[in-house]
N, C-alpha and C. Protein backbone atom coordinates (compact mmCIF):
# COMPACT_ATOMS: atom_id res chain seq x y z
N UNK A 1 15.85 43.89 77.91
CA UNK A 1 16.09 43.07 77.21
C UNK A 1 15.23 42.91 75.86
N UNK A 2 15.69 43.18 74.83
CA UNK A 2 14.91 43.21 73.16
C UNK A 2 14.18 41.38 73.35
N UNK A 3 15.24 40.78 73.31
CA UNK A 3 14.61 39.26 73.00
C UNK A 3 15.23 37.85 73.95
N UNK A 4 14.37 37.39 74.35
CA UNK A 4 15.22 36.80 75.80
C UNK A 4 15.48 35.62 74.80
N UNK A 5 16.57 34.90 75.12
CA UNK A 5 17.25 33.86 74.32
C UNK A 5 17.64 32.88 75.12
N UNK A 6 17.76 31.52 74.96
CA UNK A 6 17.59 30.37 75.80
C UNK A 6 18.90 29.46 75.18
N UNK A 7 19.74 28.56 76.09
CA UNK A 7 20.50 27.65 75.18
C UNK A 7 19.66 26.90 74.60
N UNK A 8 19.82 26.35 73.94
CA UNK A 8 19.68 25.03 73.04
C UNK A 8 19.50 23.54 74.12
N UNK A 9 20.26 23.47 75.02
CA UNK A 9 20.61 22.17 75.44
C UNK A 9 19.56 22.39 77.08
N UNK A 10 19.44 23.95 77.28
CA UNK A 10 18.76 24.09 78.26
C UNK A 10 17.11 23.83 78.08
N UNK A 11 16.84 24.60 77.29
CA UNK A 11 15.18 24.39 76.17
C UNK A 11 15.19 22.66 76.25
N UNK A 12 15.74 21.92 75.60
CA UNK A 12 15.67 20.80 75.12
C UNK A 12 15.27 20.04 76.87
N UNK A 13 16.31 20.02 77.66
CA UNK A 13 16.33 19.18 79.02
C UNK A 13 15.17 19.69 79.60
N UNK A 14 14.24 21.02 79.42
CA UNK A 14 12.79 21.54 80.32
C UNK A 14 12.06 21.01 78.98
N UNK A 15 11.85 20.89 78.00
CA UNK A 15 10.66 20.62 77.16
C UNK A 15 11.00 18.59 77.35
N UNK A 16 11.49 18.10 77.47
CA UNK A 16 11.80 16.59 77.70
C UNK A 16 11.32 16.27 78.83
N UNK A 17 11.71 17.25 80.27
CA UNK A 17 11.26 16.66 81.16
C UNK A 17 9.61 16.93 81.23
N UNK A 18 9.03 17.71 80.64
CA UNK A 18 7.68 18.22 80.73
C UNK A 18 7.30 16.89 79.98
N UNK A 19 7.51 16.78 78.56
CA UNK A 19 7.08 15.67 78.23
C UNK A 19 6.58 14.19 78.82
N UNK A 20 7.77 14.38 79.41
CA UNK A 20 7.61 13.03 80.39
C UNK A 20 7.20 12.80 81.70
N UNK A 21 7.07 14.00 82.07
CA UNK A 21 6.09 14.08 83.18
C UNK A 21 4.83 13.73 83.05
N UNK A 22 4.45 14.33 81.76
CA UNK A 22 3.14 14.06 81.27
C UNK A 22 2.58 12.65 80.99
N UNK A 23 3.67 12.13 80.67
CA UNK A 23 4.18 10.46 80.02
C UNK A 23 3.54 9.46 81.26
N UNK A 24 4.16 10.43 82.44
CA UNK A 24 4.44 9.52 83.60
C UNK A 24 3.03 9.29 84.49
N UNK A 25 2.11 10.27 84.40
CA UNK A 25 1.39 10.47 84.88
C UNK A 25 -0.44 9.76 84.49
N UNK A 26 0.00 9.81 82.66
CA UNK A 26 -0.68 9.17 81.91
C UNK A 26 -0.66 7.42 82.49
N UNK A 27 0.74 7.01 82.62
CA UNK A 27 0.98 5.98 82.74
C UNK A 27 0.34 5.70 84.03
N UNK A 28 0.41 6.24 85.45
CA UNK A 28 -0.10 5.67 86.21
C UNK A 28 -1.64 5.40 86.19
N UNK A 29 -2.41 6.36 85.37
CA UNK A 29 -3.25 6.03 84.76
C UNK A 29 -3.88 4.94 84.54
N UNK A 30 -2.72 4.08 83.73
CA UNK A 30 -3.21 3.09 83.18
C UNK A 30 -2.75 1.52 83.21
N UNK A 31 -1.63 1.94 84.33
CA UNK A 31 -1.23 0.84 84.71
C UNK A 31 -1.93 0.57 85.86
N UNK A 32 -2.83 0.76 86.14
CA UNK A 32 -4.59 0.16 86.93
C UNK A 32 -4.94 -0.83 85.72
N UNK A 33 -4.90 -0.80 84.71
CA UNK A 33 -5.43 -1.96 83.70
C UNK A 33 -4.72 -2.78 83.18
N UNK A 34 -3.47 -3.17 83.41
CA UNK A 34 -2.39 -3.76 82.41
C UNK A 34 -2.61 -5.16 83.60
N UNK A 35 -2.67 -6.21 83.10
CA UNK A 35 -2.16 -7.34 82.98
C UNK A 35 -1.37 -7.88 83.71
N UNK A 36 -0.51 -7.59 84.25
CA UNK A 36 1.10 -7.81 85.23
C UNK A 36 0.75 -7.90 86.61
N UNK A 37 1.41 -8.35 87.12
CA UNK A 37 1.47 -8.93 88.48
C UNK A 37 2.81 -7.94 89.01
N UNK A 38 2.69 -7.31 90.68
CA UNK A 38 3.30 -6.03 90.89
C UNK A 38 4.50 -6.39 91.06
N UNK A 39 5.06 -7.07 90.39
CA UNK A 39 6.65 -7.18 90.34
C UNK A 39 6.86 -6.72 88.94
N UNK A 40 5.84 -7.02 88.24
CA UNK A 40 6.12 -6.37 86.90
C UNK A 40 5.86 -4.96 86.47
N UNK A 41 5.11 -4.52 86.98
CA UNK A 41 4.51 -3.99 87.19
C UNK A 41 5.47 -2.44 87.78
N UNK A 42 5.90 -3.18 88.99
CA UNK A 42 7.11 -1.84 89.50
C UNK A 42 7.93 -2.03 88.25
N UNK A 43 8.47 -2.85 88.11
CA UNK A 43 9.70 -3.20 87.13
C UNK A 43 9.70 -1.83 86.01
N UNK A 44 8.78 -2.08 85.42
CA UNK A 44 8.70 -1.19 84.27
C UNK A 44 8.16 -0.08 84.99
N UNK A 45 7.86 0.29 85.99
CA UNK A 45 7.63 2.10 86.33
C UNK A 45 9.19 2.32 86.69
N UNK A 46 9.93 1.40 87.32
CA UNK A 46 11.39 1.97 87.63
C UNK A 46 11.97 2.05 86.11
N UNK A 47 11.66 1.79 85.93
CA UNK A 47 12.74 1.73 84.41
C UNK A 47 12.33 2.78 83.47
N UNK A 48 11.16 3.46 83.42
CA UNK A 48 10.43 4.27 82.68
C UNK A 48 11.35 5.30 83.45
N UNK A 49 11.33 5.64 85.24
CA UNK A 49 11.37 6.56 85.66
C UNK A 49 13.09 6.92 85.62
N UNK A 50 14.20 5.85 85.87
CA UNK A 50 15.22 5.96 85.32
C UNK A 50 15.40 6.30 84.12
N UNK A 51 14.61 5.88 83.09
CA UNK A 51 15.12 6.47 81.52
C UNK A 51 14.87 8.07 81.40
N UNK A 52 13.62 8.59 82.44
CA UNK A 52 13.26 9.75 82.06
C UNK A 52 14.51 10.58 82.99
N UNK A 53 15.07 10.08 83.85
CA UNK A 53 16.38 10.75 84.81
C UNK A 53 17.52 11.03 83.98
N UNK A 54 18.11 9.84 83.12
CA UNK A 54 18.86 10.11 82.33
C UNK A 54 18.91 11.22 81.70
N UNK A 55 17.57 11.22 80.45
CA UNK A 55 17.01 11.93 79.96
C UNK A 55 17.11 13.20 80.21
N UNK A 56 16.66 13.54 80.99
CA UNK A 56 17.09 15.16 81.79
C UNK A 56 18.42 15.43 82.33
N UNK A 57 18.82 14.00 82.67
CA UNK A 57 20.49 15.01 83.28
C UNK A 57 21.65 14.98 82.05
N UNK A 58 20.55 14.00 80.72
CA UNK A 58 21.81 14.04 79.76
C UNK A 58 21.81 16.02 79.17
N UNK A 59 20.24 16.23 78.94
CA UNK A 59 19.63 17.77 78.20
C UNK A 59 21.03 18.69 79.57
N UNK A 60 20.98 18.39 80.90
CA UNK A 60 21.03 19.49 82.17
C UNK A 60 22.79 19.11 81.88
N UNK A 61 23.35 18.30 81.15
CA UNK A 61 25.10 18.45 81.33
C UNK A 61 25.18 19.17 80.30
N UNK A 62 24.54 18.89 78.97
CA UNK A 62 25.10 19.43 77.90
C UNK A 62 25.05 20.58 78.14
N UNK A 63 23.71 21.00 79.01
CA UNK A 63 23.59 22.98 79.31
C UNK A 63 24.93 23.51 80.08
N UNK A 64 24.98 22.68 80.52
CA UNK A 64 26.37 23.23 82.02
C UNK A 64 27.70 22.59 81.24
N UNK A 65 27.79 22.50 80.21
CA UNK A 65 29.56 21.83 79.50
C UNK A 65 29.31 22.81 78.30
N UNK A 66 28.01 22.97 78.17
CA UNK A 66 28.10 24.67 76.82
C UNK A 66 27.88 23.20 75.53
N UNK A 67 27.48 22.32 76.06
CA UNK A 67 27.86 21.62 73.97
C UNK A 67 27.18 22.26 73.25
N UNK A 68 27.46 22.00 71.99
CA UNK A 68 27.07 22.82 70.98
C UNK A 68 26.22 21.12 69.91
N UNK A 69 26.57 20.30 69.73
CA UNK A 69 26.04 19.24 68.67
C UNK A 69 26.62 17.79 69.69
N UNK A 70 25.56 17.82 70.58
CA UNK A 70 26.03 16.24 71.13
C UNK A 70 26.13 15.16 70.78
N UNK A 71 25.71 15.20 69.23
CA UNK A 71 25.76 13.83 68.52
C UNK A 71 27.62 14.33 68.10
N UNK A 72 27.93 15.04 67.52
CA UNK A 72 29.14 15.65 67.04
C UNK A 72 30.50 15.30 68.09
N UNK A 73 30.12 16.14 68.93
CA UNK A 73 30.70 15.70 70.31
C UNK A 73 31.24 14.98 70.92
N UNK A 74 29.87 13.95 70.51
CA UNK A 74 29.90 12.68 71.53
C UNK A 74 30.07 13.30 73.49
N UNK A 75 28.99 13.90 73.78
CA UNK A 75 29.10 14.46 75.18
C UNK A 75 29.09 13.48 76.27
N UNK A 76 29.25 14.06 77.52
CA UNK A 76 28.98 13.12 78.48
C UNK A 76 27.50 13.28 78.36
N UNK A 77 26.36 14.30 78.37
CA UNK A 77 24.80 13.85 78.05
C UNK A 77 24.70 13.00 77.22
N UNK A 78 25.28 13.40 75.62
CA UNK A 78 24.92 12.56 74.70
C UNK A 78 25.42 10.70 75.41
N UNK A 79 25.58 10.61 76.06
CA UNK A 79 25.89 8.97 76.65
C UNK A 79 25.11 9.31 77.56
N UNK A 80 24.89 9.90 78.21
CA UNK A 80 23.28 9.82 79.47
C UNK A 80 22.15 9.42 78.53
N UNK A 81 22.02 10.08 77.35
CA UNK A 81 20.83 10.52 76.72
C UNK A 81 20.55 9.08 76.19
N UNK A 82 22.44 7.91 75.48
CA UNK A 82 22.14 7.41 74.67
C UNK A 82 21.73 5.93 75.84
N UNK A 83 22.31 6.15 77.18
CA UNK A 83 20.92 4.67 78.32
C UNK A 83 19.86 5.23 78.47
N UNK A 84 19.59 6.24 78.49
CA UNK A 84 18.16 6.94 78.22
C UNK A 84 17.40 5.98 77.64
N UNK A 85 17.09 5.68 76.40
CA UNK A 85 16.62 5.16 75.06
C UNK A 85 16.37 4.08 75.38
N UNK A 86 17.67 3.02 75.52
CA UNK A 86 17.67 1.42 75.56
C UNK A 86 16.64 0.91 77.07
N UNK A 87 16.81 1.69 77.94
CA UNK A 87 16.05 1.22 79.28
C UNK A 87 14.63 1.76 79.26
N UNK A 88 14.63 2.73 78.47
CA UNK A 88 12.78 3.31 78.13
C UNK A 88 12.31 1.77 77.09
N UNK A 89 12.80 1.74 76.64
CA UNK A 89 12.45 0.37 75.47
C UNK A 89 12.17 -0.46 76.29
N UNK A 90 12.83 -1.03 76.89
CA UNK A 90 12.60 -2.17 77.63
C UNK A 90 11.39 -2.19 78.79
N UNK A 91 11.05 -0.81 79.46
CA UNK A 91 10.07 -0.43 80.67
C UNK A 91 8.94 -0.48 79.65
N UNK A 92 8.85 0.47 78.26
CA UNK A 92 8.06 0.03 77.51
C UNK A 92 7.12 -1.09 76.98
N UNK A 93 8.09 -2.07 76.61
CA UNK A 93 7.86 -3.25 76.30
C UNK A 93 6.67 -3.60 77.42
N UNK A 94 7.16 -3.64 78.57
CA UNK A 94 6.86 -4.44 79.86
C UNK A 94 5.57 -4.12 79.94
N UNK A 95 4.89 -2.84 79.62
CA UNK A 95 3.87 -2.10 79.84
C UNK A 95 2.98 -2.50 78.73
N UNK A 96 3.70 -2.65 77.13
CA UNK A 96 2.87 -3.28 75.51
C UNK A 96 2.36 -4.89 76.04
N UNK A 97 3.62 -5.68 77.11
CA UNK A 97 2.85 -7.25 77.33
C UNK A 97 1.87 -6.92 78.24
N UNK A 98 1.73 -6.25 78.81
CA UNK A 98 1.09 -6.15 79.93
C UNK A 98 -0.60 -5.47 79.40
N UNK A 99 -0.69 -4.75 78.24
CA UNK A 99 -1.70 -4.00 77.68
C UNK A 99 -2.35 -5.44 77.17
N UNK A 100 -0.99 -5.52 75.94
CA UNK A 100 -1.96 -6.68 75.67
C UNK A 100 -2.47 -7.96 75.63
N UNK A 101 -2.17 -8.62 76.97
CA UNK A 101 -2.87 -9.91 77.99
C UNK A 101 -4.23 -8.99 78.86
N UNK A 102 -4.80 -7.93 78.30
CA UNK A 102 -5.77 -7.50 78.73
C UNK A 102 -6.16 -7.76 77.63
N UNK A 103 -6.27 -7.51 76.32
CA UNK A 103 -7.03 -7.85 75.30
C UNK A 103 -7.17 -9.21 74.79
């Protein structure tokens, strides 16, 4: 093969999972310093994990369906990715509240 070419959706899903994995590892270290009850910390962690799962599922679904432009096609992967954003934002807001309370 002269040049290896991977589908854009597959590359996007792979890179997103790598970035989110690093984010989760960083959050594990940071959660120790947050001023959150165990319940709130667990809720934030689960929301961030669910968000990442939907993001990975969206990219993989776009790849499996051969989606060209998820935004134009409003594909199933697009819908999974659309769920990922708001869920992740709520998790991040809980983490931010815990961080601000430490200051």
